[in-house]
Structures are given as structure tokens and as C-alpha cells.
Amino acid sequence: MPRTAASRHHLLPVIDAPDADGVPRRTLAIRRGVASPDAIRHHVVSAGDTFESLADRYLSTPELWWLIADANPVLADLDLRPGTVVAIPTAWPAAERSRRF
């Protein structure tokens, strides 16, 4: 399962997880949670900010927008209004367990 470094699945290991019949299937582990509070910086939204523009500014590529979306699950890109405080992860957790089919 090839993945680019900018993929939202990049850090997830490929594992064998049993399906409903107990047959092992190659799959990706589940991403769990967001970065710990000490691995978060905060950004006050300005007009025109998007998850992509913030990812480009803080994470060096707009392709990592999903890290910011994951760190702000109650926000959608269209909810970014000036003055809104957005969490920007500076590190993120590894996968914890396999997915179930």
C-alpha cells in the first residue's frame, strides 16, 4: 500500500486484521486522537484563512490540511471566521490499534 509523505495515511502501519469471518486482510491501522496539548499551537483566524493555507504556513505544505482538520473536529473549513481560534498540531500520535471489518 504505497502512500506519499503528504498522505493522511502516511504514518499508519499496514497490518493484517481479521475480517468478520476471521480471515486476515491487509489494511491500515486506525488513526486515534489528536496531538497532546503540549504539541499544539494556536492560531487566531484572519480573513481568508483555510485549513490548506494554515497547513502551508505552519506545516510547510497545504497537503497536510487534514492534520489541522483532525485537531479541530468541531470546525469545518467554512467555519473559519476571523477571530476563531484554531489548534495547529506540531506533532501527532501514531496509530494505536487495527480497524475491524
PDB file of N, CA and C in Angstrom:
ATOM      1  N   MET A   1       0.840  -1.181   0.000  1.00  0.00           N
ATOM      2  CA  MET A   1       0.000   0.000   0.000  1.00  0.00           C
ATOM      3  C   MET A   1       0.883   1.243   0.000  1.00  0.00           C
ATOM      4  N   PRO A   2       1.331   1.683  -1.153  1.00  0.00           N
ATOM      5  CA  PRO A   2       2.194   2.861  -1.190  1.00  0.00           C
ATOM      6  C   PRO A   2       1.420   4.130  -0.839  1.00  0.00           C
ATOM      7  N   ARG A   3       2.071   5.012  -0.080  1.00  0.00           N
ATOM      8  CA  ARG A   3       1.482   6.283   0.314  1.00  0.00           C
ATOM      9  C   ARG A   3       2.553   7.355   0.235  1.00  0.00           C
ATOM     10  N   THR A   4       2.173   8.554  -0.195  1.00  0.00           N
ATOM     11  CA  THR A   4       3.133   9.652  -0.231  1.00  0.00           C
ATOM     12  C   THR A   4       3.295  10.226   1.167  1.00  0.00           C
ATOM     13  N   ALA A   5       4.342  10.994   1.382  1.00  0.00           N
ATOM     14  CA  ALA A   5       4.608  11.604   2.690  1.00  0.00           C
ATOM     15  C   ALA A   5       3.509  12.583   3.092  1.00  0.00           C
ATOM     16  N   ALA A   6       2.765  13.120   2.134  1.00  0.00           N
ATOM     17  CA  ALA A   6       1.703  14.071   2.444  1.00  0.00           C
ATOM     18  C   ALA A   6       0.348  13.389   2.649  1.00  0.00           C
ATOM     19  N   SER A   7       0.278  12.093   2.470  1.00  0.00           N
ATOM     20  CA  SER A   7      -0.986  11.384   2.627  1.00  0.00           C
ATOM     21  C   SER A   7      -1.436  11.405   4.082  1.00  0.00           C
ATOM     22  N   ARG A   8      -2.737  11.510   4.324  1.00  0.00           N
ATOM     23  CA  ARG A   8      -3.248  11.462   5.691  1.00  0.00           C
ATOM     24  C   ARG A   8      -3.053  10.085   6.297  1.00  0.00           C
ATOM     25  N   HIS A   9      -2.679   9.108   5.481  1.00  0.00           N
ATOM     26  CA  HIS A   9      -2.439   7.751   5.950  1.00  0.00           C
ATOM     27  C   HIS A   9      -0.952   7.415   6.037  1.00  0.00           C
ATOM     28  N   HIS A  10      -0.100   8.389   5.783  1.00  0.00           N
ATOM     29  CA  HIS A  10       1.341   8.171   5.695  1.00  0.00           C
ATOM     30  C   HIS A  10       1.939   7.492   6.928  1.00  0.00           C
ATOM     31  N   LEU A  11       1.545   7.896   8.113  1.00  0.00           N
ATOM     32  CA  LEU A  11       2.150   7.380   9.341  1.00  0.00           C
ATOM     33  C   LEU A  11       1.505   6.094   9.846  1.00  0.00           C
ATOM     34  N   LEU A  12       0.469   5.639   9.176  1.00  0.00           N
ATOM     35  CA  LEU A  12      -0.225   4.447   9.633  1.00  0.00           C
ATOM     36  C   LEU A  12       0.450   3.187   9.112  1.00  0.00           C
ATOM     37  N   PRO A  13       0.674   2.222   9.990  1.00  0.00           N
ATOM     38  CA  PRO A  13       1.266   0.971   9.525  1.00  0.00           C
ATOM     39  C   PRO A  13       0.242   0.129   8.775  1.00  0.00           C
ATOM     40  N   VAL A  14       0.711  -0.649   7.821  1.00  0.00           N
ATOM     41  CA  VAL A  14      -0.131  -1.634   7.157  1.00  0.00           C
ATOM     42  C   VAL A  14      -0.089  -2.892   8.019  1.00  0.00           C
ATOM     43  N   ILE A  15      -1.252  -3.397   8.371  1.00  0.00           N
ATOM     44  CA  ILE A  15      -1.330  -4.549   9.273  1.00  0.00           C
ATOM     45  C   ILE A  15      -2.271  -5.601   8.696  1.00  0.00           C
ATOM     46  N   ASP A  16      -2.244  -6.773   9.264  1.00  0.00           N
ATOM     47  CA  ASP A  16      -3.211  -7.820   8.952  1.00  0.00           C
ATOM     48  C   ASP A  16      -4.264  -7.807  10.048  1.00  0.00           C
ATOM     49  N   ALA A  17      -5.507  -7.528   9.678  1.00  0.00           N
ATOM     50  CA  ALA A  17      -6.613  -7.512  10.641  1.00  0.00           C
ATOM     51  C   ALA A  17      -7.668  -8.505  10.174  1.00  0.00           C
ATOM     52  N   PRO A  18      -8.235  -9.260  11.104  1.00  0.00           N
ATOM     53  CA  PRO A  18      -9.235 -10.249  10.700  1.00  0.00           C
ATOM     54  C   PRO A  18     -10.549  -9.591  10.280  1.00  0.00           C
ATOM     55  N   ASP A  19     -11.160 -10.113   9.211  1.00  0.00           N
ATOM     56  CA  ASP A  19     -12.479  -9.637   8.822  1.00  0.00           C
ATOM     57  C   ASP A  19     -13.525 -10.365   9.674  1.00  0.00           C
ATOM     58  N   ALA A  20     -14.806 -10.194   9.358  1.00  0.00           N
ATOM     59  CA  ALA A  20     -15.882 -10.792  10.160  1.00  0.00           C
ATOM     60  C   ALA A  20     -15.804 -12.312  10.211  1.00  0.00           C
ATOM     61  N   ASP A  21     -15.172 -12.926   9.203  1.00  0.00           N
ATOM     62  CA  ASP A  21     -15.029 -14.385   9.177  1.00  0.00           C
ATOM     63  C   ASP A  21     -13.697 -14.845   9.765  1.00  0.00           C
ATOM     64  N   GLY A  22     -12.922 -13.920  10.279  1.00  0.00           N
ATOM     65  CA  GLY A  22     -11.638 -14.268  10.870  1.00  0.00           C
ATOM     66  C   GLY A  22     -10.499 -14.378   9.880  1.00  0.00           C
ATOM     67  N   VAL A  23     -10.745 -14.038   8.613  1.00  0.00           N
ATOM     68  CA  VAL A  23      -9.716 -14.101   7.581  1.00  0.00           C
ATOM     69  C   VAL A  23      -8.860 -12.836   7.647  1.00  0.00           C
ATOM     70  N   PRO A  24      -7.534 -12.964   7.778  1.00  0.00           N
ATOM     71  CA  PRO A  24      -6.676 -11.774   7.834  1.00  0.00           C
ATOM     72  C   PRO A  24      -6.716 -10.996   6.515  1.00  0.00           C
ATOM     73  N   ARG A  25      -6.860  -9.693   6.612  1.00  0.00           N
ATOM     74  CA  ARG A  25      -6.873  -8.792   5.446  1.00  0.00           C
ATOM     75  C   ARG A  25      -5.866  -7.689   5.681  1.00  0.00           C
ATOM     76  N   ARG A  26      -5.118  -7.311   4.632  1.00  0.00           N
ATOM     77  CA  ARG A  26      -4.194  -6.179   4.726  1.00  0.00           C
ATOM     78  C   ARG A  26      -5.014  -4.905   4.817  1.00  0.00           C
ATOM     79  N   THR A  27      -4.703  -4.079   5.781  1.00  0.00           N
ATOM     80  CA  THR A  27      -5.421  -2.831   5.980  1.00  0.00           C
ATOM     81  C   THR A  27      -4.515  -1.836   6.699  1.00  0.00           C
ATOM     82  N   LEU A  28      -4.992  -0.631   6.842  1.00  0.00           N
ATOM     83  CA  LEU A  28      -4.270   0.389   7.595  1.00  0.00           C
ATOM     84  C   LEU A  28      -4.801   0.440   9.014  1.00  0.00           C
ATOM     85  N   ALA A  29      -3.929   0.682   9.962  1.00  0.00           N
ATOM     86  CA  ALA A  29      -4.360   0.863  11.344  1.00  0.00           C
ATOM     87  C   ALA A  29      -5.183   2.141  11.431  1.00  0.00           C
ATOM     88  N   ILE A  30      -5.975   2.260  12.477  1.00  0.00           N
ATOM     89  CA  ILE A  30      -6.825   3.432  12.666  1.00  0.00           C
ATOM     90  C   ILE A  30      -6.016   4.558  13.307  1.00  0.00           C
ATOM     91  N   ARG A  31      -6.208   5.780  12.800  1.00  0.00           N
ATOM     92  CA  ARG A  31      -5.646   6.946  13.472  1.00  0.00           C
ATOM     93  C   ARG A  31      -6.516   7.236  14.669  1.00  0.00           C
ATOM     94  N   ARG A  32      -5.929   7.482  15.808  1.00  0.00           N
ATOM     95  CA  ARG A  32      -6.691   7.744  17.025  1.00  0.00           C
ATOM     96  C   ARG A  32      -6.266   9.064  17.632  1.00  0.00           C
ATOM     97  N   GLY A  33      -7.243   9.892  17.928  1.00  0.00           N
ATOM     98  CA  GLY A  33      -6.981  11.110  18.675  1.00  0.00           C
ATOM     99  C   GLY A  33      -6.206  12.151  17.901  1.00  0.00           C
ATOM    100  N   VAL A  34      -5.886  13.201  18.593  1.00  0.00           N
ATOM    101  CA  VAL A  34      -5.106  14.302  18.030  1.00  0.00           C
ATOM    102  C   VAL A  34      -3.883  14.498  18.903  1.00  0.00           C
ATOM    103  N   ALA A  35      -3.089  15.450  18.556  1.00  0.00           N
ATOM    104  CA  ALA A  35      -1.867  15.719  19.296  1.00  0.00           C
ATOM    105  C   ALA A  35      -2.173  16.098  20.740  1.00  0.00           C
ATOM    106  N   SER A  36      -1.233  15.799  21.622  1.00  0.00           N
ATOM    107  CA  SER A  36      -1.404  16.171  23.020  1.00  0.00           C
ATOM    108  C   SER A  36      -1.339  17.696  23.148  1.00  0.00           C
ATOM    109  N   PRO A  37      -1.899  18.245  24.220  1.00  0.00           N
ATOM    110  CA  PRO A  37      -1.928  19.705  24.376  1.00  0.00           C
ATOM    111  C   PRO A  37      -0.558  20.372  24.303  1.00  0.00           C
ATOM    112  N   ASP A  38       0.503  19.682  24.719  1.00  0.00           N
ATOM    113  CA  ASP A  38       1.828  20.291  24.643  1.00  0.00           C
ATOM    114  C   ASP A  38       2.405  20.227  23.228  1.00  0.00           C
ATOM    115  N   ALA A  39       1.695  19.580  22.303  1.00  0.00           N
ATOM    116  CA  ALA A  39       2.130  19.514  20.908  1.00  0.00           C
ATOM    117  C   ALA A  39       1.163  20.298  20.018  1.00  0.00           C
ATOM    118  N   ILE A  40       0.534  21.319  20.599  1.00  0.00           N
ATOM    119  CA  ILE A  40      -0.436  22.151  19.879  1.00  0.00           C
ATOM    120  C   ILE A  40      -0.020  23.615  20.002  1.00  0.00           C
ATOM    121  N   ARG A  41      -0.104  24.327  18.908  1.00  0.00           N
ATOM    122  CA  ARG A  41      -0.001  25.784  18.955  1.00  0.00           C
ATOM    123  C   ARG A  41      -1.355  26.309  18.519  1.00  0.00           C
ATOM    124  N   HIS A  42      -1.646  27.532  18.803  1.00  0.00           N
ATOM    125  CA  HIS A  42      -2.939  28.099  18.453  1.00  0.00           C
ATOM    126  C   HIS A  42      -2.773  29.243  17.464  1.00  0.00           C
ATOM    127  N   HIS A  43      -3.751  29.359  16.590  1.00  0.00           N
ATOM    128  CA  HIS A  43      -3.758  30.401  15.571  1.00  0.00           C
ATOM    129  C   HIS A  43      -5.110  31.091  15.618  1.00  0.00           C
ATOM    130  N   VAL A  44      -5.092  32.411  15.608  1.00  0.00           N
ATOM    131  CA  VAL A  44      -6.327  33.185  15.530  1.00  0.00           C
ATOM    132  C   VAL A  44      -6.582  33.457  14.055  1.00  0.00           C
ATOM    133  N   VAL A  45      -7.715  32.985  13.577  1.00  0.00           N
ATOM    134  CA  VAL A  45      -8.056  33.067  12.154  1.00  0.00           C
ATOM    135  C   VAL A  45      -8.177  34.506  11.690  1.00  0.00           C
ATOM    136  N   SER A  46      -7.604  34.757  10.516  1.00  0.00           N
ATOM    137  CA  SER A  46      -7.748  36.030   9.813  1.00  0.00           C
ATOM    138  C   SER A  46      -8.605  35.792   8.580  1.00  0.00           C
ATOM    139  N   ALA A  47      -9.133  36.843   8.001  1.00  0.00           N
ATOM    140  CA  ALA A  47      -9.946  36.708   6.785  1.00  0.00           C
ATOM    141  C   ALA A  47      -9.157  35.954   5.720  1.00  0.00           C
ATOM    142  N   GLY A  48      -9.802  34.979   5.104  1.00  0.00           N
ATOM    143  CA  GLY A  48      -9.179  34.223   4.020  1.00  0.00           C
ATOM    144  C   GLY A  48      -8.440  32.970   4.449  1.00  0.00           C
ATOM    145  N   ASP A  49      -8.258  32.764   5.759  1.00  0.00           N
ATOM    146  CA  ASP A  49      -7.578  31.548   6.218  1.00  0.00           C
ATOM    147  C   ASP A  49      -8.413  30.311   5.885  1.00  0.00           C
ATOM    148  N   THR A  50      -7.742  29.242   5.499  1.00  0.00           N
ATOM    149  CA  THR A  50      -8.361  27.938   5.280  1.00  0.00           C
ATOM    150  C   THR A  50      -7.465  26.902   5.945  1.00  0.00           C
ATOM    151  N   PHE A  51      -7.963  25.674   6.091  1.00  0.00           N
ATOM    152  CA  PHE A  51      -7.110  24.624   6.619  1.00  0.00           C
ATOM    153  C   PHE A  51      -5.881  24.452   5.732  1.00  0.00           C
ATOM    154  N   GLU A  52      -6.059  24.557   4.415  1.00  0.00           N
ATOM    155  CA  GLU A  52      -4.924  24.410   3.499  1.00  0.00           C
ATOM    156  C   GLU A  52      -3.907  25.536   3.666  1.00  0.00           C
ATOM    157  N   SER A  53      -4.379  26.770   3.787  1.00  0.00           N
ATOM    158  CA  SER A  53      -3.426  27.883   3.927  1.00  0.00           C
ATOM    159  C   SER A  53      -2.700  27.810   5.269  1.00  0.00           C
ATOM    160  N   LEU A  54      -3.402  27.373   6.324  1.00  0.00           N
ATOM    161  CA  LEU A  54      -2.741  27.228   7.621  1.00  0.00           C
ATOM    162  C   LEU A  54      -1.731  26.089   7.594  1.00  0.00           C
ATOM    163  N   ALA A  55      -2.072  24.994   6.920  1.00  0.00           N
ATOM    164  CA  ALA A  55      -1.125  23.882   6.793  1.00  0.00           C
ATOM    165  C   ALA A  55       0.110  24.327   6.017  1.00  0.00           C
ATOM    166  N   ASP A  56      -0.084  25.105   4.984  1.00  0.00           N
ATOM    167  CA  ASP A  56       1.059  25.609   4.209  1.00  0.00           C
ATOM    168  C   ASP A  56       1.938  26.495   5.085  1.00  0.00           C
ATOM    169  N   ARG A  57       1.323  27.337   5.893  1.00  0.00           N
ATOM    170  CA  ARG A  57       2.070  28.256   6.759  1.00  0.00           C
ATOM    171  C   ARG A  57       2.796  27.535   7.893  1.00  0.00           C
ATOM    172  N   TYR A  58       2.099  26.641   8.599  1.00  0.00           N
ATOM    173  CA  TYR A  58       2.666  26.025   9.797  1.00  0.00           C
ATOM    174  C   TYR A  58       3.291  24.648   9.579  1.00  0.00           C
ATOM    175  N   LEU A  59       2.815  23.910   8.578  1.00  0.00           N
ATOM    176  CA  LEU A  59       3.286  22.539   8.370  1.00  0.00           C
ATOM    177  C   LEU A  59       4.059  22.382   7.065  1.00  0.00           C
ATOM    178  N   SER A  60       4.289  23.479   6.373  1.00  0.00           N
ATOM    179  CA  SER A  60       5.125  23.551   5.167  1.00  0.00           C
ATOM    180  C   SER A  60       4.518  22.959   3.902  1.00  0.00           C
ATOM    181  N   THR A  61       3.276  22.503   3.942  1.00  0.00           N
ATOM    182  CA  THR A  61       2.608  22.045   2.730  1.00  0.00           C
ATOM    183  C   THR A  61       1.098  22.068   2.937  1.00  0.00           C
ATOM    184  N   PRO A  62       0.350  22.560   1.954  1.00  0.00           N
ATOM    185  CA  PRO A  62      -1.108  22.568   2.099  1.00  0.00           C
ATOM    186  C   PRO A  62      -1.703  21.166   2.101  1.00  0.00           C
ATOM    187  N   GLU A  63      -0.948  20.175   1.635  1.00  0.00           N
ATOM    188  CA  GLU A  63      -1.448  18.803   1.584  1.00  0.00           C
ATOM    189  C   GLU A  63      -1.660  18.193   2.973  1.00  0.00           C
ATOM    190  N   LEU A  64      -1.123  18.815   4.010  1.00  0.00           N
ATOM    191  CA  LEU A  64      -1.316  18.314   5.381  1.00  0.00           C
ATOM    192  C   LEU A  64      -2.484  19.004   6.084  1.00  0.00           C
ATOM    193  N   TRP A  65      -3.398  19.581   5.315  1.00  0.00           N
ATOM    194  CA  TRP A  65      -4.572  20.274   5.869  1.00  0.00           C
ATOM    195  C   TRP A  65      -5.354  19.379   6.820  1.00  0.00           C
ATOM    196  N   TRP A  66      -5.392  18.088   6.536  1.00  0.00           N
ATOM    197  CA  TRP A  66      -6.184  17.145   7.334  1.00  0.00           C
ATOM    198  C   TRP A  66      -5.695  17.034   8.772  1.00  0.00           C
ATOM    199  N   LEU A  67      -4.411  17.316   9.028  1.00  0.00           N
ATOM    200  CA  LEU A  67      -3.923  17.309  10.410  1.00  0.00           C
ATOM    201  C   LEU A  67      -4.598  18.407  11.226  1.00  0.00           C
ATOM    202  N   ILE A  68      -4.792  19.559  10.599  1.00  0.00           N
ATOM    203  CA  ILE A  68      -5.470  20.666  11.275  1.00  0.00           C
ATOM    204  C   ILE A  68      -6.958  20.351  11.412  1.00  0.00           C
ATOM    205  N   ALA A  69      -7.557  19.772  10.377  1.00  0.00           N
ATOM    206  CA  ALA A  69      -8.973  19.383  10.463  1.00  0.00           C
ATOM    207  C   ALA A  69      -9.179  18.363  11.579  1.00  0.00           C
ATOM    208  N   ASP A  70      -8.276  17.376  11.693  1.00  0.00           N
ATOM    209  CA  ASP A  70      -8.385  16.377  12.756  1.00  0.00           C
ATOM    210  C   ASP A  70      -8.232  16.995  14.142  1.00  0.00           C
ATOM    211  N   ALA A  71      -7.418  18.033  14.266  1.00  0.00           N
ATOM    212  CA  ALA A  71      -7.189  18.684  15.554  1.00  0.00           C
ATOM    213  C   ALA A  71      -8.340  19.621  15.938  1.00  0.00           C
ATOM    214  N   ASN A  72      -9.237  19.874  14.986  1.00  0.00           N
ATOM    215  CA  ASN A  72     -10.366  20.780  15.209  1.00  0.00           C
ATOM    216  C   ASN A  72     -11.658  20.132  14.716  1.00  0.00           C
ATOM    217  N   PRO A  73     -12.065  19.023  15.344  1.00  0.00           N
ATOM    218  CA  PRO A  73     -13.190  18.249  14.805  1.00  0.00           C
ATOM    219  C   PRO A  73     -14.530  18.969  14.786  1.00  0.00           C
ATOM    220  N   VAL A  74     -14.689  20.021  15.560  1.00  0.00           N
ATOM    221  CA  VAL A  74     -15.978  20.725  15.554  1.00  0.00           C
ATOM    222  C   VAL A  74     -16.014  21.840  14.512  1.00  0.00           C
ATOM    223  N   LEU A  75     -14.915  22.042  13.811  1.00  0.00           N
ATOM    224  CA  LEU A  75     -14.858  23.085  12.791  1.00  0.00           C
ATOM    225  C   LEU A  75     -14.823  22.483  11.396  1.00  0.00           C
ATOM    226  N   ALA A  76     -15.463  23.147  10.475  1.00  0.00           N
ATOM    227  CA  ALA A  76     -15.320  22.835   9.058  1.00  0.00           C
ATOM    228  C   ALA A  76     -14.591  24.018   8.444  1.00  0.00           C
ATOM    229  N   ASP A  77     -13.986  23.804   7.303  1.00  0.00           N
ATOM    230  CA  ASP A  77     -13.239  24.870   6.642  1.00  0.00           C
ATOM    231  C   ASP A  77     -14.084  26.139   6.487  1.00  0.00           C
ATOM    232  N   LEU A  78     -15.378  25.973   6.235  1.00  0.00           N
ATOM    233  CA  LEU A  78     -16.252  27.135   6.056  1.00  0.00           C
ATOM    234  C   LEU A  78     -16.566  27.844   7.365  1.00  0.00           C
ATOM    235  N   ASP A  79     -16.259  27.218   8.517  1.00  0.00           N
ATOM    236  CA  ASP A  79     -16.484  27.826   9.823  1.00  0.00           C
ATOM    237  C   ASP A  79     -15.347  28.744  10.250  1.00  0.00           C
ATOM    238  N   LEU A  80     -14.306  28.826   9.458  1.00  0.00           N
ATOM    239  CA  LEU A  80     -13.143  29.636   9.844  1.00  0.00           C
ATOM    240  C   LEU A  80     -13.436  31.107   9.620  1.00  0.00           C
ATOM    241  N   ARG A  81     -13.900  31.736  10.676  1.00  0.00           N
ATOM    242  CA  ARG A  81     -14.207  33.162  10.630  1.00  0.00           C
ATOM    243  C   ARG A  81     -13.137  33.919  11.414  1.00  0.00           C
ATOM    244  N   PRO A  82     -12.851  35.149  11.024  1.00  0.00           N
ATOM    245  CA  PRO A  82     -11.865  35.933  11.770  1.00  0.00           C
ATOM    246  C   PRO A  82     -12.168  35.923  13.265  1.00  0.00           C
ATOM    247  N   GLY A  83     -11.117  35.660  14.044  1.00  0.00           N
ATOM    248  CA  GLY A  83     -11.233  35.616  15.491  1.00  0.00           C
ATOM    249  C   GLY A  83     -11.377  34.206  16.048  1.00  0.00           C
ATOM    250  N   THR A  84     -11.746  33.236  15.200  1.00  0.00           N
ATOM    251  CA  THR A  84     -11.840  31.848  15.647  1.00  0.00           C
ATOM    252  C   THR A  84     -10.439  31.345  15.991  1.00  0.00           C
ATOM    253  N   VAL A  85     -10.309  30.635  17.110  1.00  0.00           N
ATOM    254  CA  VAL A  85      -9.016  30.070  17.498  1.00  0.00           C
ATOM    255  C   VAL A  85      -8.949  28.633  16.996  1.00  0.00           C
ATOM    256  N   VAL A  86      -7.887  28.321  16.255  1.00  0.00           N
ATOM    257  CA  VAL A  86      -7.697  27.008  15.652  1.00  0.00           C
ATOM    258  C   VAL A  86      -6.459  26.359  16.268  1.00  0.00           C
ATOM    259  N   ALA A  87      -6.579  25.076  16.620  1.00  0.00           N
ATOM    260  CA  ALA A  87      -5.430  24.313  17.113  1.00  0.00           C
ATOM    261  C   ALA A  87      -4.601  23.846  15.920  1.00  0.00           C
ATOM    262  N   ILE A  88      -3.294  24.055  16.000  1.00  0.00           N
ATOM    263  CA  ILE A  88      -2.370  23.614  14.962  1.00  0.00           C
ATOM    264  C   ILE A  88      -1.436  22.586  15.600  1.00  0.00           C
ATOM    265  N   PRO A  89      -1.515  21.313  15.184  1.00  0.00           N
ATOM    266  CA  PRO A  89      -0.644  20.302  15.786  1.00  0.00           C
ATOM    267  C   PRO A  89       0.808  20.500  15.360  1.00  0.00           C
ATOM    268  N   THR A  90       1.702  20.296  16.303  1.00  0.00           N
ATOM    269  CA  THR A  90       3.132  20.341  15.981  1.00  0.00           C
ATOM    270  C   THR A  90       3.708  18.930  15.984  1.00  0.00           C
ATOM    271  N   ALA A  91       2.919  17.969  16.455  1.00  0.00           N
ATOM    272  CA  ALA A  91       3.251  16.540  16.428  1.00  0.00           C
ATOM    273  C   ALA A  91       1.920  15.816  16.495  1.00  0.00           C
ATOM    274  N   TRP A  92       1.894  14.561  16.111  1.00  0.00           N
ATOM    275  CA  TRP A  92       0.652  13.811  16.136  1.00  0.00           C
ATOM    276  C   TRP A  92       0.937  12.378  16.540  1.00  0.00           C
ATOM    277  N   PRO A  93      -0.073  11.720  17.125  1.00  0.00           N
ATOM    278  CA  PRO A  93       0.129  10.361  17.625  1.00  0.00           C
ATOM    279  C   PRO A  93       0.193   9.325  16.515  1.00  0.00           C
ATOM    280  N   ALA A  94       0.842   8.238  16.784  1.00  0.00           N
ATOM    281  CA  ALA A  94       0.854   7.112  15.857  1.00  0.00           C
ATOM    282  C   ALA A  94      -0.444   6.332  16.027  1.00  0.00           C
ATOM    283  N   ALA A  95      -0.688   5.453  15.106  1.00  0.00           N
ATOM    284  CA  ALA A  95      -1.884   4.611  15.186  1.00  0.00           C
ATOM    285  C   ALA A  95      -1.811   3.722  16.413  1.00  0.00           C
ATOM    286  N   GLU A  96      -2.953   3.366  16.970  1.00  0.00           N
ATOM    287  CA  GLU A  96      -2.969   2.574  18.191  1.00  0.00           C
ATOM    288  C   GLU A  96      -3.434   1.142  17.999  1.00  0.00           C
ATOM    289  N   ARG A  97      -4.432   0.910  17.161  1.00  0.00           N
ATOM    290  CA  ARG A  97      -4.917  -0.450  17.016  1.00  0.00           C
ATOM    291  C   ARG A  97      -5.500  -0.652  15.628  1.00  0.00           C
ATOM    292  N   SER A  98      -5.792  -1.866  15.315  1.00  0.00           N
ATOM    293  CA  SER A  98      -6.279  -2.180  13.976  1.00  0.00           C
ATOM    294  C   SER A  98      -7.749  -1.857  13.808  1.00  0.00           C
ATOM    295  N   ARG A  99      -8.144  -1.745  12.586  1.00  0.00           N
ATOM    296  CA  ARG A  99      -9.541  -1.495  12.257  1.00  0.00           C
ATOM    297  C   ARG A  99     -10.278  -2.823  12.191  1.00  0.00           C
ATOM    298  N   ARG A 100     -11.550  -2.801  12.503  1.00  0.00           N
ATOM    299  CA  ARG A 100     -12.386  -4.002  12.440  1.00  0.00           C
ATOM    300  C   ARG A 100     -13.282  -3.902  11.210  1.00  0.00           C
ATOM    301  N   PHE A 101     -13.512  -5.014  10.546  1.00  0.00           N
ATOM    302  CA  PHE A 101     -14.359  -5.024   9.355  1.00  0.00           C
ATOM    303  C   PHE A 101     -15.786  -5.337   9.708  1.00  0.00           C
TER     304      PHE A 101
END
